[in-house]
C-alpha atoms as a PDB file:
ATOM      1  CA  UNK A   1      31.295  -3.670  -0.720  1.00  0.00           C
ATOM      2  CA  UNK A   2      30.390  -0.425   0.982  1.00  0.00           C
ATOM      3  CA  UNK A   3      30.602   2.404  -1.659  1.00  0.00           C
ATOM      4  CA  UNK A   4      32.666   4.718   0.669  1.00  0.00           C
ATOM      5  CA  UNK A   5      35.265   1.929   1.399  1.00  0.00           C
ATOM      6  CA  UNK A   6      35.421   1.092  -2.227  1.00  0.00           C
ATOM      7  CA  UNK A   7      36.193   4.746  -3.172  1.00  0.00           C
ATOM      8  CA  UNK A   8      38.860   4.910  -0.505  1.00  0.00           C
ATOM      9  CA  UNK A   9      40.531   1.656  -1.522  1.00  0.00           C
ATOM     10  CA  UNK A  10      40.447   2.613  -5.278  1.00  0.00           C
ATOM     11  CA  UNK A  11      42.000   5.917  -4.335  1.00  0.00           C
ATOM     12  CA  UNK A  12      44.874   4.329  -2.228  1.00  0.00           C
ATOM     13  CA  UNK A  13      45.570   2.068  -5.073  1.00  0.00           C
ATOM     14  CA  UNK A  14      45.601   4.836  -7.610  1.00  0.00           C
ATOM     15  CA  UNK A  15      47.760   7.284  -5.438  1.00  0.00           C
ATOM     16  CA  UNK A  16      50.184   4.278  -4.896  1.00  0.00           C
ATOM     17  CA  UNK A  17      50.215   3.537  -8.627  1.00  0.00           C
ATOM     18  CA  UNK A  18      50.915   7.236  -9.543  1.00  0.00           C
ATOM     19  CA  UNK A  19      53.822   7.272  -7.101  1.00  0.00           C
ATOM     20  CA  UNK A  20      55.442   4.190  -8.506  1.00  0.00           C
ATOM     21  CA  UNK A  21      55.080   5.632 -12.099  1.00  0.00           C
ATOM     22  CA  UNK A  22      56.598   8.770 -10.949  1.00  0.00           C
ATOM     23  CA  UNK A  23      59.509   6.857  -9.291  1.00  0.00           C
ATOM     24  CA  UNK A  24      60.090   5.093 -12.677  1.00  0.00           C
ATOM     25  CA  UNK A  25      60.195   8.391 -14.520  1.00  0.00           C
ATOM     26  CA  UNK A  26      62.697   9.953 -12.105  1.00  0.00           C
ATOM     27  CA  UNK A  27      64.779   6.789 -11.704  1.00  0.00           C
ATOM     28  CA  UNK A  28      64.648   5.071 -15.097  1.00  0.00           C
ATOM     29  CA  UNK A  29      66.955   2.385 -13.942  1.00  0.00           C
ATOM     30  CA  UNK A  30      65.655   1.979 -10.348  1.00  0.00           C
ATOM     31  CA  UNK A  31      63.367  -0.932 -11.233  1.00  0.00           C
ATOM     32  CA  UNK A  32      59.981   0.636  -9.944  1.00  0.00           C
ATOM     33  CA  UNK A  33      57.299  -1.868 -11.079  1.00  0.00           C
ATOM     34  CA  UNK A  34      53.599  -2.170 -10.906  1.00  0.00           C
ATOM     35  CA  UNK A  35      51.494  -5.022 -12.231  1.00  0.00           C
ATOM     36  CA  UNK A  36      47.743  -6.100 -11.956  1.00  0.00           C
ATOM     37  CA  UNK A  37      46.781  -9.330  -9.991  1.00  0.00           C
ATOM     38  CA  UNK A  38      43.490 -10.689  -8.783  1.00  0.00           C
ATOM     39  CA  UNK A  39      41.734  -7.422  -9.103  1.00  0.00           C
ATOM     40  CA  UNK A  40      44.417  -5.495  -7.394  1.00  0.00           C
ATOM     41  CA  UNK A  41      47.975  -4.277  -8.007  1.00  0.00           C
ATOM     42  CA  UNK A  42      51.392  -5.206  -6.737  1.00  0.00           C
ATOM     43  CA  UNK A  43      53.962  -2.470  -6.457  1.00  0.00           C
ATOM     44  CA  UNK A  44      57.691  -1.859  -5.913  1.00  0.00           C
ATOM     45  CA  UNK A  45      58.977   1.690  -5.685  1.00  0.00           C
ATOM     46  CA  UNK A  46      62.654   0.799  -5.238  1.00  0.00           C
ATOM     47  CA  UNK A  47      64.625   0.504  -1.974  1.00  0.00           C
ATOM     48  CA  UNK A  48      64.682   4.242  -1.363  1.00  0.00           C
ATOM     49  CA  UNK A  49      60.911   4.853  -2.161  1.00  0.00           C
ATOM     50  CA  UNK A  50      58.148   5.229   0.314  1.00  0.00           C
ATOM     51  CA  UNK A  51      58.070   1.711   1.979  1.00  0.00           C
ATOM     52  CA  UNK A  52      54.307   2.061   2.628  1.00  0.00           C
ATOM     53  CA  UNK A  53      54.008   1.928  -1.253  1.00  0.00           C
ATOM     54  CA  UNK A  54      55.936  -1.192  -1.841  1.00  0.00           C
ATOM     55  CA  UNK A  55      53.122  -3.682  -1.323  1.00  0.00           C
ATOM     56  CA  UNK A  56      50.003  -5.139  -2.782  1.00  0.00           C
ATOM     57  CA  UNK A  57      46.753  -3.124  -2.951  1.00  0.00           C
ATOM     58  CA  UNK A  58      43.038  -4.172  -3.488  1.00  0.00           C
ATOM     59  CA  UNK A  59      43.746  -7.836  -4.140  1.00  0.00           C
ATOM     60  CA  UNK A  60      40.721  -9.739  -3.609  1.00  0.00           C
ATOM     61  CA  UNK A  61      38.222  -7.006  -3.741  1.00  0.00           C
ATOM     62  CA  UNK A  62      36.775  -7.944  -7.039  1.00  0.00           C
ATOM     63  CA  UNK A  63      37.560 -11.620  -7.426  1.00  0.00           C
ATOM     64  CA  UNK A  64      38.733 -14.714  -5.498  1.00  0.00           C
ATOM     65  CA  UNK A  65      42.442 -15.205  -4.737  1.00  0.00           C
ATOM     66  CA  UNK A  66      44.444 -18.432  -5.215  1.00  0.00           C
ATOM     67  CA  UNK A  67      47.545 -19.803  -3.667  1.00  0.00           C
ATOM     68  CA  UNK A  68      49.188 -19.401  -7.034  1.00  0.00           C
ATOM     69  CA  UNK A  69      48.285 -15.666  -6.982  1.00  0.00           C
ATOM     70  CA  UNK A  70      50.312 -15.303  -3.578  1.00  0.00           C
ATOM     71  CA  UNK A  71      53.011 -17.445  -4.822  1.00  0.00           C
ATOM     72  CA  UNK A  72      53.570 -14.869  -7.679  1.00  0.00           C
ATOM     73  CA  UNK A  73      53.517 -12.019  -5.126  1.00  0.00           C
ATOM     74  CA  UNK A  74      56.028 -13.754  -2.915  1.00  0.00           C
ATOM     75  CA  UNK A  75      58.334 -14.562  -5.866  1.00  0.00           C
ATOM     76  CA  UNK A  76      58.213 -10.907  -7.156  1.00  0.00           C
ATOM     77  CA  UNK A  77      59.357  -9.455  -3.714  1.00  0.00           C
ATOM     78  CA  UNK A  78      61.813 -12.146  -3.192  1.00  0.00           C
ATOM     79  CA  UNK A  79      63.492 -11.052  -6.410  1.00  0.00           C
ATOM     80  CA  UNK A  80      63.693  -7.627  -4.879  1.00  0.00           C
ATOM     81  CA  UNK A  81      65.283  -8.973  -1.575  1.00  0.00           C
ATOM     82  CA  UNK A  82      62.217  -7.707   0.302  1.00  0.00           C
ATOM     83  CA  UNK A  83      59.408  -9.407   2.400  1.00  0.00           C
ATOM     84  CA  UNK A  84      56.145  -9.756   0.645  1.00  0.00           C
ATOM     85  CA  UNK A  85      53.391  -7.364   1.909  1.00  0.00           C
ATOM     86  CA  UNK A  86      49.592  -7.020   1.167  1.00  0.00           C
ATOM     87  CA  UNK A  87      47.059  -4.662   2.659  1.00  0.00           C
ATOM     88  CA  UNK A  88      43.649  -6.283   3.175  1.00  0.00           C
ATOM     89  CA  UNK A  89      40.359  -4.998   4.305  1.00  0.00           C
ATOM     90  CA  UNK A  90      37.080  -6.457   5.843  1.00  0.00           C
ATOM     91  CA  UNK A  91      35.714  -6.501   2.342  1.00  0.00           C
ATOM     92  CA  UNK A  92      38.471  -8.608   0.758  1.00  0.00           C
ATOM     93  CA  UNK A  93      37.335 -11.898  -0.588  1.00  0.00           C
ATOM     94  CA  UNK A  94      37.433 -14.794   2.105  1.00  0.00           C
ATOM     95  CA  UNK A  95      39.642 -16.820  -0.364  1.00  0.00           C
ATOM     96  CA  UNK A  96      42.518 -14.205   0.210  1.00  0.00           C
ATOM     97  CA  UNK A  97      42.526 -14.864   3.985  1.00  0.00           C
ATOM     98  CA  UNK A  98      42.433 -18.678   3.500  1.00  0.00           C
ATOM     99  CA  UNK A  99      45.324 -18.507   1.087  1.00  0.00           C
ATOM    100  CA  UNK A 100      47.297 -16.273   3.274  1.00  0.00           C
ATOM    101  CA  UNK A 101      46.903 -18.731   6.211  1.00  0.00           C
ATOM    102  CA  UNK A 102      47.872 -21.691   4.116  1.00  0.00           C
ATOM    103  CA  UNK A 103      51.075 -20.043   3.020  1.00  0.00           C
ATOM    104  CA  UNK A 104      52.213 -18.742   6.388  1.00  0.00           C
ATOM    105  CA  UNK A 105      51.544 -15.066   6.098  1.00  0.00           C
ATOM    106  CA  UNK A 106      51.121 -13.021   9.382  1.00  0.00           C
ATOM    107  CA  UNK A 107      49.580  -9.769  10.381  1.00  0.00           C
ATOM    108  CA  UNK A 108      52.390  -7.206  11.018  1.00  0.00           C
ATOM    109  CA  UNK A 109      50.428  -4.002  11.209  1.00  0.00           C
ATOM    110  CA  UNK A 110      47.019  -2.699  11.703  1.00  0.00           C
ATOM    111  CA  UNK A 111      45.776   0.559  10.258  1.00  0.00           C
ATOM    112  CA  UNK A 112      42.653   2.484  11.137  1.00  0.00           C
ATOM    113  CA  UNK A 113      41.196   4.047   8.051  1.00  0.00           C
ATOM    114  CA  UNK A 114      39.541   7.272   8.934  1.00  0.00           C
ATOM    115  CA  UNK A 115      37.576   9.686   6.768  1.00  0.00           C
ATOM    116  CA  UNK A 116      35.577  12.838   6.830  1.00  0.00           C
ATOM    117  CA  UNK A 117      33.608  15.022   4.363  1.00  0.00           C
ATOM    118  CA  UNK A 118      34.895  18.656   3.763  1.00  0.00           C
ATOM    119  CA  UNK A 119      31.540  20.305   4.078  1.00  0.00           C
ATOM    120  CA  UNK A 120      32.642  22.046   7.187  1.00  0.00           C
ATOM    121  CA  UNK A 121      36.137  22.625   8.562  1.00  0.00           C
ATOM    122  CA  UNK A 122      37.814  22.580  11.986  1.00  0.00           C
ATOM    123  CA  UNK A 123      39.612  25.688  13.293  1.00  0.00           C
ATOM    124  CA  UNK A 124      43.486  25.914  13.797  1.00  0.00           C
ATOM    125  CA  UNK A 125      45.071  27.174  17.103  1.00  0.00           C
ATOM    126  CA  UNK A 126      46.026  30.716  17.009  1.00  0.00           C
ATOM    127  CA  UNK A 127      49.355  29.871  18.706  1.00  0.00           C
ATOM    128  CA  UNK A 128      50.606  27.762  15.545  1.00  0.00           C
ATOM    129  CA  UNK A 129      51.503  29.081  12.299  1.00  0.00           C
ATOM    130  CA  UNK A 130      51.350  26.768   9.247  1.00  0.00           C
ATOM    131  CA  UNK A 131      53.289  27.257   6.106  1.00  0.00           C
ATOM    132  CA  UNK A 132      52.941  25.376   2.794  1.00  0.00           C
ATOM    133  CA  UNK A 133      56.496  24.846   1.256  1.00  0.00           C
ATOM    134  CA  UNK A 134      57.713  23.843  -1.956  1.00  0.00           C
ATOM    135  CA  UNK A 135      60.167  21.070  -2.740  1.00  0.00           C
ATOM    136  CA  UNK A 136      63.241  23.328  -2.522  1.00  0.00           C
ATOM    137  CA  UNK A 137      62.728  22.770   1.186  1.00  0.00           C
ATOM    138  CA  UNK A 138      62.320  19.106   1.090  1.00  0.00           C
ATOM    139  CA  UNK A 139      65.245  18.395   3.226  1.00  0.00           C
ATOM    140  CA  UNK A 140      64.075  20.728   5.958  1.00  0.00           C
ATOM    141  CA  UNK A 141      60.626  19.233   5.779  1.00  0.00           C
ATOM    142  CA  UNK A 142      61.731  15.497   5.730  1.00  0.00           C
ATOM    143  CA  UNK A 143      64.297  16.030   8.618  1.00  0.00           C
ATOM    144  CA  UNK A 144      61.552  17.831  10.808  1.00  0.00           C
ATOM    145  CA  UNK A 145      59.123  14.852  10.202  1.00  0.00           C
ATOM    146  CA  UNK A 146      61.730  12.188  10.988  1.00  0.00           C
ATOM    147  CA  UNK A 147      62.749  14.173  14.157  1.00  0.00           C
ATOM    148  CA  UNK A 148      59.061  14.170  15.447  1.00  0.00           C
ATOM    149  CA  UNK A 149      58.817  10.597  14.751  1.00  0.00           C
ATOM    150  CA  UNK A 150      61.950   9.828  16.798  1.00  0.00           C
ATOM    151  CA  UNK A 151      63.901   8.554  13.775  1.00  0.00           C
ATOM    152  CA  UNK A 152      67.326   9.073  12.592  1.00  0.00           C
ATOM    153  CA  UNK A 153      68.114  12.113  10.447  1.00  0.00           C
ATOM    154  CA  UNK A 154      68.134  11.455   6.689  1.00  0.00           C
ATOM    155  CA  UNK A 155      71.212  11.957   4.789  1.00  0.00           C
ATOM    156  CA  UNK A 156      70.591  15.010   2.670  1.00  0.00           C
ATOM    157  CA  UNK A 157      72.578  13.614  -0.208  1.00  0.00           C
ATOM    158  CA  UNK A 158      70.987  10.238  -0.152  1.00  0.00           C
ATOM    159  CA  UNK A 159      68.825   8.584  -2.859  1.00  0.00           C
ATOM    160  CA  UNK A 160      66.058   8.655  -0.253  1.00  0.00           C
ATOM    161  CA  UNK A 161      66.076  12.355   0.062  1.00  0.00           C
ATOM    162  CA  UNK A 162      66.135  12.627  -3.736  1.00  0.00           C
ATOM    163  CA  UNK A 163      63.079  10.460  -3.877  1.00  0.00           C
ATOM    164  CA  UNK A 164      61.363  12.746  -1.285  1.00  0.00           C
ATOM    165  CA  UNK A 165      62.135  15.863  -3.257  1.00  0.00           C
ATOM    166  CA  UNK A 166      61.669  14.663  -6.634  1.00  0.00           C
ATOM    167  CA  UNK A 167      59.114  11.929  -6.498  1.00  0.00           C
ATOM    168  CA  UNK A 168      57.112  12.538  -3.367  1.00  0.00           C
ATOM    169  CA  UNK A 169      56.871  16.280  -3.653  1.00  0.00           C
ATOM    170  CA  UNK A 170      57.739  16.505  -7.270  1.00  0.00           C
ATOM    171  CA  UNK A 171      54.041  16.648  -8.504  1.00  0.00           C
ATOM    172  CA  UNK A 172      51.276  19.353  -8.493  1.00  0.00           C
ATOM    173  CA  UNK A 173      49.073  16.892  -6.384  1.00  0.00           C
ATOM    174  CA  UNK A 174      51.433  16.487  -3.518  1.00  0.00           C
ATOM    175  CA  UNK A 175      51.925  19.207  -0.761  1.00  0.00           C
ATOM    176  CA  UNK A 176      54.151  19.689   2.281  1.00  0.00           C
ATOM    177  CA  UNK A 177      53.556  21.858   5.373  1.00  0.00           C
ATOM    178  CA  UNK A 178      55.588  23.122   8.416  1.00  0.00           C
ATOM    179  CA  UNK A 179      54.319  24.164  11.688  1.00  0.00           C
ATOM    180  CA  UNK A 180      55.885  26.718  14.036  1.00  0.00           C
ATOM    181  CA  UNK A 181      55.300  27.900  17.449  1.00  0.00           C
ATOM    182  CA  UNK A 182      57.004  30.902  18.961  1.00  0.00           C
ATOM    183  CA  UNK A 183      59.175  31.053  15.856  1.00  0.00           C
ATOM    184  CA  UNK A 184      60.464  27.539  16.179  1.00  0.00           C
ATOM    185  CA  UNK A 185      59.705  24.517  13.981  1.00  0.00           C
ATOM    186  CA  UNK A 186      57.127  22.380  15.780  1.00  0.00           C
ATOM    187  CA  UNK A 187      56.102  19.865  13.257  1.00  0.00           C
ATOM    188  CA  UNK A 188      55.299  18.965   9.625  1.00  0.00           C
ATOM    189  CA  UNK A 189      52.856  17.098   7.503  1.00  0.00           C
ATOM    190  CA  UNK A 190      52.024  16.101   4.094  1.00  0.00           C
ATOM    191  CA  UNK A 191      48.967  15.928   1.743  1.00  0.00           C
ATOM    192  CA  UNK A 192      48.211  14.154  -1.594  1.00  0.00           C
ATOM    193  CA  UNK A 193      45.033  14.944  -3.631  1.00  0.00           C
ATOM    194  CA  UNK A 194      43.409  12.809  -6.270  1.00  0.00           C
ATOM    195  CA  UNK A 195      39.898  12.348  -7.739  1.00  0.00           C
ATOM    196  CA  UNK A 196      38.337  14.494  -5.001  1.00  0.00           C
ATOM    197  CA  UNK A 197      39.892  12.758  -2.150  1.00  0.00           C
ATOM    198  CA  UNK A 198      42.740  14.350   0.112  1.00  0.00           C
ATOM    199  CA  UNK A 199      45.034  11.961   1.705  1.00  0.00           C
ATOM    200  CA  UNK A 200      46.736  13.331   4.958  1.00  0.00           C
ATOM    201  CA  UNK A 201      49.980  11.768   5.821  1.00  0.00           C
ATOM    202  CA  UNK A 202      53.326  12.060   7.589  1.00  0.00           C
ATOM    203  CA  UNK A 203      51.873  14.136  10.544  1.00  0.00           C
ATOM    204  CA  UNK A 204      54.737  14.712  12.932  1.00  0.00           C
ATOM    205  CA  UNK A 205      55.199  16.909  15.987  1.00  0.00           C
ATOM    206  CA  UNK A 206      58.472  17.652  17.843  1.00  0.00           C
ATOM    207  CA  UNK A 207      58.254  16.246  21.477  1.00  0.00           C
ATOM    208  CA  UNK A 208      58.492  19.630  23.278  1.00  0.00           C
ATOM    209  CA  UNK A 209      55.742  21.064  21.180  1.00  0.00           C
ATOM    210  CA  UNK A 210      53.149  18.299  21.739  1.00  0.00           C
ATOM    211  CA  UNK A 211      49.797  19.051  23.258  1.00  0.00           C
ATOM    212  CA  UNK A 212      49.817  22.577  22.016  1.00  0.00           C
ATOM    213  CA  UNK A 213      47.603  22.314  19.090  1.00  0.00           C
ATOM    214  CA  UNK A 214      50.185  21.519  16.427  1.00  0.00           C
ATOM    215  CA  UNK A 215      48.637  18.405  14.948  1.00  0.00           C
ATOM    216  CA  UNK A 216      45.200  19.915  15.114  1.00  0.00           C
ATOM    217  CA  UNK A 217      46.337  22.999  13.221  1.00  0.00           C
ATOM    218  CA  UNK A 218      48.316  20.914  10.551  1.00  0.00           C
ATOM    219  CA  UNK A 219      44.995  18.864   9.997  1.00  0.00           C
ATOM    220  CA  UNK A 220      42.912  22.026   9.695  1.00  0.00           C
ATOM    221  CA  UNK A 221      45.338  23.729   7.210  1.00  0.00           C
ATOM    222  CA  UNK A 222      45.423  20.635   4.989  1.00  0.00           C
ATOM    223  CA  UNK A 223      41.562  20.219   5.065  1.00  0.00           C
ATOM    224  CA  UNK A 224      41.060  23.955   4.094  1.00  0.00           C
ATOM    225  CA  UNK A 225      43.628  23.625   1.347  1.00  0.00           C
ATOM    226  CA  UNK A 226      42.033  20.415   0.008  1.00  0.00           C
ATOM    227  CA  UNK A 227      38.593  21.781  -0.036  1.00  0.00           C
ATOM    228  CA  UNK A 228      40.035  24.884  -1.965  1.00  0.00           C
ATOM    229  CA  UNK A 229      41.204  22.483  -4.626  1.00  0.00           C
ATOM    230  CA  UNK A 230      37.720  20.858  -4.971  1.00  0.00           C
ATOM    231  CA  UNK A 231      38.068  17.739  -2.754  1.00  0.00           C
ATOM    232  CA  UNK A 232      35.027  16.673  -0.947  1.00  0.00           C
ATOM    233  CA  UNK A 233      36.478  13.854   1.146  1.00  0.00           C
ATOM    234  CA  UNK A 234      39.744  13.468   3.380  1.00  0.00           C
ATOM    235  CA  UNK A 235      41.219  10.167   4.540  1.00  0.00           C
ATOM    236  CA  UNK A 236      44.019   9.217   6.832  1.00  0.00           C
ATOM    237  CA  UNK A 237      45.484   6.028   8.186  1.00  0.00           C
ATOM    238  CA  UNK A 238      46.718   5.707  11.836  1.00  0.00           C
ATOM    239  CA  UNK A 239      47.720   3.199  14.224  1.00  0.00           C
ATOM    240  CA  UNK A 240      44.447   1.999  16.125  1.00  0.00           C
ATOM    241  CA  UNK A 241      43.920   4.053  19.402  1.00  0.00           C
ATOM    242  CA  UNK A 242      46.850   6.196  18.852  1.00  0.00           C
ATOM    243  CA  UNK A 243      47.103   9.961  19.721  1.00  0.00           C
ATOM    244  CA  UNK A 244      47.023  10.553  15.971  1.00  0.00           C
ATOM    245  CA  UNK A 245      43.706   8.899  15.601  1.00  0.00           C
ATOM    246  CA  UNK A 246      42.358  10.843  18.673  1.00  0.00           C
ATOM    247  CA  UNK A 247      43.625  14.050  16.961  1.00  0.00           C
ATOM    248  CA  UNK A 248      41.932  13.179  13.814  1.00  0.00           C
ATOM    249  CA  UNK A 249      38.724  12.214  15.494  1.00  0.00           C
ATOM    250  CA  UNK A 250      38.737  15.721  17.320  1.00  0.00           C
ATOM    251  CA  UNK A 251      38.990  17.197  13.818  1.00  0.00           C
ATOM    252  CA  UNK A 252      35.821  15.445  12.660  1.00  0.00           C
ATOM    253  CA  UNK A 253      37.174  12.084  11.207  1.00  0.00           C
ATOM    254  CA  UNK A 254      35.490   8.943  11.942  1.00  0.00           C
ATOM    255  CA  UNK A 255      36.763   5.370  11.592  1.00  0.00           C
ATOM    256  CA  UNK A 256      35.517   3.644   8.391  1.00  0.00           C
ATOM    257  CA  UNK A 257      37.226   0.218   8.868  1.00  0.00           C
ATOM    258  CA  UNK A 258      40.434  -1.492   9.791  1.00  0.00           C
ATOM    259  CA  UNK A 259      42.985  -2.601   7.089  1.00  0.00           C
ATOM    260  CA  UNK A 260      45.403  -5.232   8.494  1.00  0.00           C
ATOM    261  CA  UNK A 261      48.741  -5.602   6.568  1.00  0.00           C
ATOM    262  CA  UNK A 262      49.959  -9.085   6.121  1.00  0.00           C
ATOM    263  CA  UNK A 263      53.518  -9.926   5.581  1.00  0.00           C
ATOM    264  CA  UNK A 264      55.580 -13.155   4.482  1.00  0.00           C
ATOM    265  CA  UNK A 265      59.245 -12.982   5.371  1.00  0.00           C
ATOM    266  CA  UNK A 266      61.980 -13.936   3.003  1.00  0.00           C
END
């Protein structure tokens, strides 16, 4: 396996594991769970946790995968009342894909995994102001992200909002940013750092502020912050060929590989 891809996958697994463990600490009775299987990990972060975390990571990167392994994953998520999901890579053992096919799993999502070193940094637009916020403004930040993505507003009193404030933004390795243009909220984004890798996520721009340098400025601000914290590599996942991927590529990111997600419905 390519060393860069292995470093990225190990980091994705470890960031997800830390999130689940944090979830378990905040919601002691929520049922957040993580266990090792076939060289990877299988995770559940409760119904109000980040859905991208409740899946299996790195399964088949170190060893072969059997149908019994997949049956255990399926039973685990069925017990949670959720479809089973597993993230794969081009470097996953061929036995994983053979077993997925035999058991009726299907690809439901493609991610482009992009990365760039932090030896140089892009510039931000002078028309966009970026502010790093703390979790006391989690509601404002989360609502802004959802608005930019065209999703319904989150109930401020919900368990999901509590999870965002206390789990997602409740550590010293997770950061949130808000962008403004002409004094108006224009977008938001998040950053997680671990083992020298900065993961950029949740980049969102309000429709009326698009194509005004907001995403580029949010990227530049996070990269500068990550380098100041000692990170040497930044990564991000996007939908292939999306505007987000093009914005990241303009900021120096390059495609490393694609990571298809397989799912087996209940």
